[in-house]
Amino acid sequence: MNNSDLAEKLAAETGVTKADAKKAVDAVFAAIAEAAAAGDEISLNGFGKFKVKDSPAREGRNPSSGETIQIAASKKLTFAPAKAIKDKLNG
């Protein structure tokens, strides 16, 4: 499922136009991205939590040459599903 599919499903279930549903979907994801960029935790009851985690700098190896390289520190967005979602996935 992609953003357009999600917007179509939202439009069908709520009775709004597809254009309005697409705007709503885009606004939700923009708000999540904005909060994540600020380092906030996003908690959606019954769905899960998005958290920003720091990945420290480390040494790695170039697989083709075997030489040691430095991998820069970065941030990543992780998702932990809520119990309700885990239960739905696992029957």
PDB file of N, CA and C in Angstrom:
ATOM      1  N   MET A   1       0.854  -1.175   0.000  1.00  0.00           N
ATOM      2  CA  MET A   1       0.000   0.000   0.000  1.00  0.00           C
ATOM      3  C   MET A   1       0.899   1.236   0.000  1.00  0.00           C
ATOM      4  N   ASN A   2       0.574   2.193  -0.840  1.00  0.00           N
ATOM      5  CA  ASN A   2       1.320   3.448  -0.876  1.00  0.00           C
ATOM      6  C   ASN A   2       0.398   4.605  -0.459  1.00  0.00           C
ATOM      7  N   ASN A   3       0.909   5.833  -0.532  1.00  0.00           N
ATOM      8  CA  ASN A   3       0.140   7.005  -0.087  1.00  0.00           C
ATOM      9  C   ASN A   3      -1.175   7.154  -0.852  1.00  0.00           C
ATOM     10  N   SER A   4      -1.141   6.924  -2.161  1.00  0.00           N
ATOM     11  CA  SER A   4      -2.358   7.065  -2.974  1.00  0.00           C
ATOM     12  C   SER A   4      -3.392   6.020  -2.581  1.00  0.00           C
ATOM     13  N   ASP A   5      -2.937   4.778  -2.372  1.00  0.00           N
ATOM     14  CA  ASP A   5      -3.855   3.716  -1.953  1.00  0.00           C
ATOM     15  C   ASP A   5      -4.482   4.048  -0.603  1.00  0.00           C
ATOM     16  N   LEU A   6      -3.657   4.558   0.300  1.00  0.00           N
ATOM     17  CA  LEU A   6      -4.146   4.934   1.624  1.00  0.00           C
ATOM     18  C   LEU A   6      -5.166   6.063   1.522  1.00  0.00           C
ATOM     19  N   ALA A   7      -4.891   7.041   0.681  1.00  0.00           N
ATOM     20  CA  ALA A   7      -5.820   8.164   0.491  1.00  0.00           C
ATOM     21  C   ALA A   7      -7.141   7.681  -0.112  1.00  0.00           C
ATOM     22  N   GLU A   8      -7.082   6.752  -1.075  1.00  0.00           N
ATOM     23  CA  GLU A   8      -8.307   6.212  -1.676  1.00  0.00           C
ATOM     24  C   GLU A   8      -9.137   5.467  -0.642  1.00  0.00           C
ATOM     25  N   LYS A   9      -8.484   4.676   0.205  1.00  0.00           N
ATOM     26  CA  LYS A   9      -9.193   3.929   1.244  1.00  0.00           C
ATOM     27  C   LYS A   9      -9.828   4.894   2.247  1.00  0.00           C
ATOM     28  N   LEU A  10      -9.085   5.929   2.629  1.00  0.00           N
ATOM     29  CA  LEU A  10      -9.603   6.938   3.552  1.00  0.00           C
ATOM     30  C   LEU A  10     -10.815   7.652   2.948  1.00  0.00           C
ATOM     31  N   ALA A  11     -10.736   8.001   1.680  1.00  0.00           N
ATOM     32  CA  ALA A  11     -11.841   8.679   1.002  1.00  0.00           C
ATOM     33  C   ALA A  11     -13.073   7.778   0.956  1.00  0.00           C
ATOM     34  N   ALA A  12     -12.873   6.508   0.658  1.00  0.00           N
ATOM     35  CA  ALA A  12     -13.997   5.573   0.561  1.00  0.00           C
ATOM     36  C   ALA A  12     -14.666   5.361   1.920  1.00  0.00           C
ATOM     37  N   GLU A  13     -13.876   5.302   2.973  1.00  0.00           N
ATOM     38  CA  GLU A  13     -14.429   5.016   4.298  1.00  0.00           C
ATOM     39  C   GLU A  13     -15.033   6.232   4.988  1.00  0.00           C
ATOM     40  N   THR A  14     -14.575   7.435   4.632  1.00  0.00           N
ATOM     41  CA  THR A  14     -15.068   8.632   5.316  1.00  0.00           C
ATOM     42  C   THR A  14     -16.010   9.478   4.463  1.00  0.00           C
ATOM     43  N   GLY A  15     -16.037   9.230   3.160  1.00  0.00           N
ATOM     44  CA  GLY A  15     -16.929   9.992   2.296  1.00  0.00           C
ATOM     45  C   GLY A  15     -16.378  11.330   1.849  1.00  0.00           C
ATOM     46  N   VAL A  16     -15.107  11.594   2.090  1.00  0.00           N
ATOM     47  CA  VAL A  16     -14.504  12.839   1.599  1.00  0.00           C
ATOM     48  C   VAL A  16     -13.950  12.595   0.203  1.00  0.00           C
ATOM     49  N   THR A  17     -13.579  13.661  -0.483  1.00  0.00           N
ATOM     50  CA  THR A  17     -13.023  13.504  -1.827  1.00  0.00           C
ATOM     51  C   THR A  17     -11.622  12.913  -1.741  1.00  0.00           C
ATOM     52  N   LYS A  18     -11.178  12.315  -2.839  1.00  0.00           N
ATOM     53  CA  LYS A  18      -9.832  11.743  -2.874  1.00  0.00           C
ATOM     54  C   LYS A  18      -8.773  12.819  -2.680  1.00  0.00           C
ATOM     55  N   ALA A  19      -9.015  14.013  -3.216  1.00  0.00           N
ATOM     56  CA  ALA A  19      -8.059  15.117  -3.080  1.00  0.00           C
ATOM     57  C   ALA A  19      -7.922  15.526  -1.614  1.00  0.00           C
ATOM     58  N   ASP A  20      -9.050  15.626  -0.906  1.00  0.00           N
ATOM     59  CA  ASP A  20      -9.001  15.986   0.511  1.00  0.00           C
ATOM     60  C   ASP A  20      -8.334  14.879   1.331  1.00  0.00           C
ATOM     61  N   ALA A  21      -8.615  13.638   0.979  1.00  0.00           N
ATOM     62  CA  ALA A  21      -8.000  12.511   1.689  1.00  0.00           C
ATOM     63  C   ALA A  21      -6.495  12.510   1.468  1.00  0.00           C
ATOM     64  N   LYS A  22      -6.051  12.803   0.243  1.00  0.00           N
ATOM     65  CA  LYS A  22      -4.614  12.855  -0.049  1.00  0.00           C
ATOM     66  C   LYS A  22      -3.948  13.957   0.753  1.00  0.00           C
ATOM     67  N   LYS A  23      -4.614  15.117   0.860  1.00  0.00           N
ATOM     68  CA  LYS A  23      -4.070  16.219   1.669  1.00  0.00           C
ATOM     69  C   LYS A  23      -3.936  15.797   3.132  1.00  0.00           C
ATOM     70  N   ALA A  24      -4.930  15.080   3.641  1.00  0.00           N
ATOM     71  CA  ALA A  24      -4.898  14.630   5.035  1.00  0.00           C
ATOM     72  C   ALA A  24      -3.767  13.631   5.263  1.00  0.00           C
ATOM     73  N   VAL A  25      -3.613  12.688   4.354  1.00  0.00           N
ATOM     74  CA  VAL A  25      -2.537  11.689   4.472  1.00  0.00           C
ATOM     75  C   VAL A  25      -1.178  12.380   4.426  1.00  0.00           C
ATOM     76  N   ASP A  26      -1.001  13.283   3.465  1.00  0.00           N
ATOM     77  CA  ASP A  26       0.267  14.014   3.350  1.00  0.00           C
ATOM     78  C   ASP A  26       0.547  14.846   4.599  1.00  0.00           C
ATOM     79  N   ALA A  27      -0.489  15.458   5.170  1.00  0.00           N
ATOM     80  CA  ALA A  27      -0.320  16.287   6.370  1.00  0.00           C
ATOM     81  C   ALA A  27       0.094  15.432   7.567  1.00  0.00           C
ATOM     82  N   VAL A  28      -0.481  14.237   7.687  1.00  0.00           N
ATOM     83  CA  VAL A  28      -0.115  13.349   8.803  1.00  0.00           C
ATOM     84  C   VAL A  28       1.350  12.947   8.701  1.00  0.00           C
ATOM     85  N   PHE A  29       1.775  12.521   7.513  1.00  0.00           N
ATOM     86  CA  PHE A  29       3.163  12.099   7.357  1.00  0.00           C
ATOM     87  C   PHE A  29       4.133  13.262   7.497  1.00  0.00           C
ATOM     88  N   ALA A  30       3.744  14.444   7.057  1.00  0.00           N
ATOM     89  CA  ALA A  30       4.592  15.627   7.217  1.00  0.00           C
ATOM     90  C   ALA A  30       4.752  15.964   8.693  1.00  0.00           C
ATOM     91  N   ALA A  31       3.677  15.835   9.462  1.00  0.00           N
ATOM     92  CA  ALA A  31       3.751  16.120  10.904  1.00  0.00           C
ATOM     93  C   ALA A  31       4.642  15.095  11.608  1.00  0.00           C
ATOM     94  N   ILE A  32       4.546  13.834  11.215  1.00  0.00           N
ATOM     95  CA  ILE A  32       5.405  12.801  11.809  1.00  0.00           C
ATOM     96  C   ILE A  32       6.871  13.083  11.474  1.00  0.00           C
ATOM     97  N   ALA A  33       7.158  13.418  10.218  1.00  0.00           N
ATOM     98  CA  ALA A  33       8.529  13.710   9.801  1.00  0.00           C
ATOM     99  C   ALA A  33       9.082  14.934  10.519  1.00  0.00           C
ATOM    100  N   GLU A  34       8.250  15.954  10.681  1.00  0.00           N
ATOM    101  CA  GLU A  34       8.668  17.180  11.368  1.00  0.00           C
ATOM    102  C   GLU A  34       9.006  16.899  12.830  1.00  0.00           C
ATOM    103  N   ALA A  35       8.164  16.127  13.499  1.00  0.00           N
ATOM    104  CA  ALA A  35       8.412  15.782  14.903  1.00  0.00           C
ATOM    105  C   ALA A  35       9.665  14.932  15.029  1.00  0.00           C
ATOM    106  N   ALA A  36       9.867  13.996  14.110  1.00  0.00           N
ATOM    107  CA  ALA A  36      11.060  13.144  14.147  1.00  0.00           C
ATOM    108  C   ALA A  36      12.319  13.978  13.925  1.00  0.00           C
ATOM    109  N   ALA A  37      12.266  14.939  13.006  1.00  0.00           N
ATOM    110  CA  ALA A  37      13.417  15.800  12.741  1.00  0.00           C
ATOM    111  C   ALA A  37      13.776  16.632  13.970  1.00  0.00           C
ATOM    112  N   ALA A  38      12.772  16.939  14.782  1.00  0.00           N
ATOM    113  CA  ALA A  38      13.014  17.701  16.015  1.00  0.00           C
ATOM    114  C   ALA A  38      13.492  16.787  17.150  1.00  0.00           C
ATOM    115  N   GLY A  39      13.516  15.470  16.896  1.00  0.00           N
ATOM    116  CA  GLY A  39      13.985  14.524  17.914  1.00  0.00           C
ATOM    117  C   GLY A  39      12.898  14.042  18.844  1.00  0.00           C
ATOM    118  N   ASP A  40      11.647  14.359  18.532  1.00  0.00           N
ATOM    119  CA  ASP A  40      10.538  13.949  19.396  1.00  0.00           C
ATOM    120  C   ASP A  40      10.146  12.502  19.133  1.00  0.00           C
ATOM    121  N   GLU A  41       9.551  11.881  20.145  1.00  0.00           N
ATOM    122  CA  GLU A  41       8.977  10.550  19.999  1.00  0.00           C
ATOM    123  C   GLU A  41       7.519  10.725  19.584  1.00  0.00           C
ATOM    124  N   ILE A  42       7.094   9.964  18.589  1.00  0.00           N
ATOM    125  CA  ILE A  42       5.721  10.053  18.111  1.00  0.00           C
ATOM    126  C   ILE A  42       4.997   8.794  18.558  1.00  0.00           C
ATOM    127  N   SER A  43       4.004   8.949  19.416  1.00  0.00           N
ATOM    128  CA  SER A  43       3.265   7.818  19.954  1.00  0.00           C
ATOM    129  C   SER A  43       1.826   7.868  19.446  1.00  0.00           C
ATOM    130  N   LEU A  44       1.429   6.831  18.711  1.00  0.00           N
ATOM    131  CA  LEU A  44       0.080   6.741  18.168  1.00  0.00           C
ATOM    132  C   LEU A  44      -0.625   5.590  18.879  1.00  0.00           C
ATOM    133  N   ASN A  45      -1.554   5.932  19.769  1.00  0.00           N
ATOM    134  CA  ASN A  45      -2.230   4.922  20.577  1.00  0.00           C
ATOM    135  C   ASN A  45      -2.858   3.843  19.716  1.00  0.00           C
ATOM    136  N   GLY A  46      -2.608   2.605  20.079  1.00  0.00           N
ATOM    137  CA  GLY A  46      -3.160   1.474  19.351  1.00  0.00           C
ATOM    138  C   GLY A  46      -2.416   1.133  18.075  1.00  0.00           C
ATOM    139  N   PHE A  47      -1.411   1.938  17.705  1.00  0.00           N
ATOM    140  CA  PHE A  47      -0.648   1.672  16.478  1.00  0.00           C
ATOM    141  C   PHE A  47       0.817   1.417  16.781  1.00  0.00           C
ATOM    142  N   GLY A  48       1.472   2.347  17.485  1.00  0.00           N
ATOM    143  CA  GLY A  48       2.872   2.160  17.833  1.00  0.00           C
ATOM    144  C   GLY A  48       3.589   3.467  18.077  1.00  0.00           C
ATOM    145  N   LYS A  49       4.918   3.356  18.208  1.00  0.00           N
ATOM    146  CA  LYS A  49       5.757   4.528  18.480  1.00  0.00           C
ATOM    147  C   LYS A  49       6.869   4.637  17.449  1.00  0.00           C
ATOM    148  N   PHE A  50       7.107   5.864  17.007  1.00  0.00           N
ATOM    149  CA  PHE A  50       8.259   6.176  16.183  1.00  0.00           C
ATOM    150  C   PHE A  50       9.268   6.853  17.105  1.00  0.00           C
ATOM    151  N   LYS A  51      10.515   6.381  17.082  1.00  0.00           N
ATOM    152  CA  LYS A  51      11.567   6.971  17.902  1.00  0.00           C
ATOM    153  C   LYS A  51      12.784   7.262  17.036  1.00  0.00           C
ATOM    154  N   VAL A  52      13.500   8.335  17.382  1.00  0.00           N
ATOM    155  CA  VAL A  52      14.741   8.669  16.710  1.00  0.00           C
ATOM    156  C   VAL A  52      15.874   8.078  17.542  1.00  0.00           C
ATOM    157  N   LYS A  53      16.732   7.294  16.907  1.00  0.00           N
ATOM    158  CA  LYS A  53      17.866   6.689  17.604  1.00  0.00           C
ATOM    159  C   LYS A  53      19.152   7.149  16.942  1.00  0.00           C
ATOM    160  N   ASP A  54      20.164   7.365  17.782  1.00  0.00           N
ATOM    161  CA  ASP A  54      21.483   7.751  17.285  1.00  0.00           C
ATOM    162  C   ASP A  54      22.298   6.504  16.975  1.00  0.00           C
ATOM    163  N   SER A  55      22.924   6.511  15.810  1.00  0.00           N
ATOM    164  CA  SER A  55      23.837   5.444  15.424  1.00  0.00           C
ATOM    165  C   SER A  55      25.238   6.044  15.476  1.00  0.00           C
ATOM    166  N   PRO A  56      26.098   5.577  16.383  1.00  0.00           N
ATOM    167  CA  PRO A  56      27.414   6.204  16.536  1.00  0.00           C
ATOM    168  C   PRO A  56      28.334   5.935  15.345  1.00  0.00           C
ATOM    169  N   ALA A  57      29.368   6.750  15.222  1.00  0.00           N
ATOM    170  CA  ALA A  57      30.373   6.533  14.183  1.00  0.00           C
ATOM    171  C   ALA A  57      31.088   5.218  14.486  1.00  0.00           C
ATOM    172  N   ARG A  58      31.486   4.526  13.418  1.00  0.00           N
ATOM    173  CA  ARG A  58      32.156   3.253  13.629  1.00  0.00           C
ATOM    174  C   ARG A  58      33.048   2.936  12.441  1.00  0.00           C
ATOM    175  N   GLU A  59      33.872   1.905  12.609  1.00  0.00           N
ATOM    176  CA  GLU A  59      34.712   1.442  11.517  1.00  0.00           C
ATOM    177  C   GLU A  59      34.003   0.336  10.769  1.00  0.00           C
ATOM    178  N   GLY A  60      34.175   0.315   9.475  1.00  0.00           N
ATOM    179  CA  GLY A  60      33.608  -0.743   8.651  1.00  0.00           C
ATOM    180  C   GLY A  60      34.645  -1.203   7.655  1.00  0.00           C
ATOM    181  N   ARG A  61      34.275  -2.137   6.824  1.00  0.00           N
ATOM    182  CA  ARG A  61      35.185  -2.641   5.788  1.00  0.00           C
ATOM    183  C   ARG A  61      34.538  -2.528   4.423  1.00  0.00           C
ATOM    184  N   ASN A  62      35.337  -2.099   3.455  1.00  0.00           N
ATOM    185  CA  ASN A  62      34.909  -2.091   2.069  1.00  0.00           C
ATOM    186  C   ASN A  62      34.914  -3.551   1.605  1.00  0.00           C
ATOM    187  N   PRO A  63      33.754  -4.104   1.233  1.00  0.00           N
ATOM    188  CA  PRO A  63      33.711  -5.527   0.902  1.00  0.00           C
ATOM    189  C   PRO A  63      34.543  -5.920  -0.322  1.00  0.00           C
ATOM    190  N   SER A  64      34.727  -5.005  -1.252  1.00  0.00           N
ATOM    191  CA  SER A  64      35.485  -5.380  -2.448  1.00  0.00           C
ATOM    192  C   SER A  64      36.990  -5.331  -2.234  1.00  0.00           C
ATOM    193  N   SER A  65      37.482  -4.347  -1.465  1.00  0.00           N
ATOM    194  CA  SER A  65      38.931  -4.222  -1.276  1.00  0.00           C
ATOM    195  C   SER A  65      39.387  -4.691   0.102  1.00  0.00           C
ATOM    196  N   GLY A  66      38.474  -4.772   1.053  1.00  0.00           N
ATOM    197  CA  GLY A  66      38.845  -5.186   2.404  1.00  0.00           C
ATOM    198  C   GLY A  66      39.450  -4.082   3.241  1.00  0.00           C
ATOM    199  N   GLU A  67      39.586  -2.878   2.680  1.00  0.00           N
ATOM    200  CA  GLU A  67      40.194  -1.786   3.452  1.00  0.00           C
ATOM    201  C   GLU A  67      39.212  -1.242   4.486  1.00  0.00           C
ATOM    202  N   THR A  68      39.764  -0.725   5.581  1.00  0.00           N
ATOM    203  CA  THR A  68      38.963  -0.167   6.663  1.00  0.00           C
ATOM    204  C   THR A  68      38.487   1.234   6.270  1.00  0.00           C
ATOM    205  N   ILE A  69      37.200   1.501   6.541  1.00  0.00           N
ATOM    206  CA  ILE A  69      36.637   2.823   6.261  1.00  0.00           C
ATOM    207  C   ILE A  69      35.911   3.322   7.510  1.00  0.00           C
ATOM    208  N   GLN A  70      35.738   4.621   7.580  1.00  0.00           N
ATOM    209  CA  GLN A  70      35.005   5.221   8.692  1.00  0.00           C
ATOM    210  C   GLN A  70      33.555   5.444   8.250  1.00  0.00           C
ATOM    211  N   ILE A  71      32.632   4.973   9.061  1.00  0.00           N
ATOM    212  CA  ILE A  71      31.212   5.192   8.808  1.00  0.00           C
ATOM    213  C   ILE A  71      30.762   6.295   9.757  1.00  0.00           C
ATOM    214  N   ALA A  72      30.210   7.362   9.209  1.00  0.00           N
ATOM    215  CA  ALA A  72      29.833   8.535  10.005  1.00  0.00           C
ATOM    216  C   ALA A  72      28.647   8.228  10.924  1.00  0.00           C
ATOM    217  N   ALA A  73      28.575   8.983  12.007  1.00  0.00           N
ATOM    218  CA  ALA A  73      27.426   8.880  12.916  1.00  0.00           C
ATOM    219  C   ALA A  73      26.183   9.363  12.179  1.00  0.00           C
ATOM    220  N   SER A  74      25.041   8.785  12.519  1.00  0.00           N
ATOM    221  CA  SER A  74      23.796   9.192  11.875  1.00  0.00           C
ATOM    222  C   SER A  74      22.631   8.954  12.817  1.00  0.00           C
ATOM    223  N   LYS A  75      21.482   9.407  12.407  1.00  0.00           N
ATOM    224  CA  LYS A  75      20.250   9.177  13.169  1.00  0.00           C
ATOM    225  C   LYS A  75      19.344   8.321  12.319  1.00  0.00           C
ATOM    226  N   LYS A  76      18.563   7.471  12.971  1.00  0.00           N
ATOM    227  CA  LYS A  76      17.604   6.654  12.231  1.00  0.00           C
ATOM    228  C   LYS A  76      16.277   6.661  12.960  1.00  0.00           C
ATOM    229  N   LEU A  77      15.224   6.456  12.182  1.00  0.00           N
ATOM    230  CA  LEU A  77      13.879   6.431  12.734  1.00  0.00           C
ATOM    231  C   LEU A  77      13.472   4.970  12.885  1.00  0.00           C
ATOM    232  N   THR A  78      13.088   4.593  14.099  1.00  0.00           N
ATOM    233  CA  THR A  78      12.660   3.223  14.353  1.00  0.00           C
ATOM    234  C   THR A  78      11.174   3.220  14.692  1.00  0.00           C
ATOM    235  N   PHE A  79      10.556   2.062  14.513  1.00  0.00           N
ATOM    236  CA  PHE A  79       9.138   1.918  14.809  1.00  0.00           C
ATOM    237  C   PHE A  79       8.954   0.696  15.682  1.00  0.00           C
ATOM    238  N   ALA A  80       8.198   0.870  16.763  1.00  0.00           N
ATOM    239  CA  ALA A  80       7.834  -0.241  17.648  1.00  0.00           C
ATOM    240  C   ALA A  80       6.315  -0.351  17.625  1.00  0.00           C
ATOM    241  N   PRO A  81       5.784  -1.442  17.088  1.00  0.00           N
ATOM    242  CA  PRO A  81       4.325  -1.571  17.011  1.00  0.00           C
ATOM    243  C   PRO A  81       3.697  -1.756  18.377  1.00  0.00           C
ATOM    244  N   ALA A  82       2.451  -1.301  18.510  1.00  0.00           N
ATOM    245  CA  ALA A  82       1.688  -1.476  19.743  1.00  0.00           C
ATOM    246  C   ALA A  82       1.255  -2.933  19.863  1.00  0.00           C
ATOM    247  N   LYS A  83       0.864  -3.327  21.061  1.00  0.00           N
ATOM    248  CA  LYS A  83       0.448  -4.709  21.322  1.00  0.00           C
ATOM    249  C   LYS A  83      -0.705  -5.111  20.410  1.00  0.00           C
ATOM    250  N   ALA A  84      -1.654  -4.220  20.193  1.00  0.00           N
ATOM    251  CA  ALA A  84      -2.806  -4.524  19.349  1.00  0.00           C
ATOM    252  C   ALA A  84      -2.371  -4.899  17.917  1.00  0.00           C
ATOM    253  N   ILE A  85      -1.379  -4.186  17.386  1.00  0.00           N
ATOM    254  CA  ILE A  85      -0.879  -4.483  16.045  1.00  0.00           C
ATOM    255  C   ILE A  85      -0.127  -5.810  16.047  1.00  0.00           C
ATOM    256  N   LYS A  86       0.690  -6.039  17.060  1.00  0.00           N
ATOM    257  CA  LYS A  86       1.424  -7.313  17.154  1.00  0.00           C
ATOM    258  C   LYS A  86       0.438  -8.473  17.210  1.00  0.00           C
ATOM    259  N   ASP A  87      -0.611  -8.327  18.006  1.00  0.00           N
ATOM    260  CA  ASP A  87      -1.615  -9.401  18.136  1.00  0.00           C
ATOM    261  C   ASP A  87      -2.321  -9.642  16.793  1.00  0.00           C
ATOM    262  N   LYS A  88      -2.615  -8.562  16.061  1.00  0.00           N
ATOM    263  CA  LYS A  88      -3.288  -8.704  14.764  1.00  0.00           C
ATOM    264  C   LYS A  88      -2.389  -9.418  13.756  1.00  0.00           C
ATOM    265  N   LEU A  89      -1.089  -9.129  13.799  1.00  0.00           N
ATOM    266  CA  LEU A  89      -0.146  -9.759  12.878  1.00  0.00           C
ATOM    267  C   LEU A  89       0.048 -11.239  13.171  1.00  0.00           C
ATOM    268  N   ASN A  90      -0.004 -11.584  14.440  1.00  0.00           N
ATOM    269  CA  ASN A  90       0.283 -12.957  14.857  1.00  0.00           C
ATOM    270  C   ASN A  90      -0.959 -13.786  15.145  1.00  0.00           C
ATOM    271  N   GLY A  91      -2.092 -13.338  14.676  1.00  0.00           N
ATOM    272  CA  GLY A  91      -3.331 -14.099  14.799  1.00  0.00           C
ATOM    273  C   GLY A  91      -3.865 -14.049  16.169  1.00  0.00           C
TER     274      GLY A  91
END
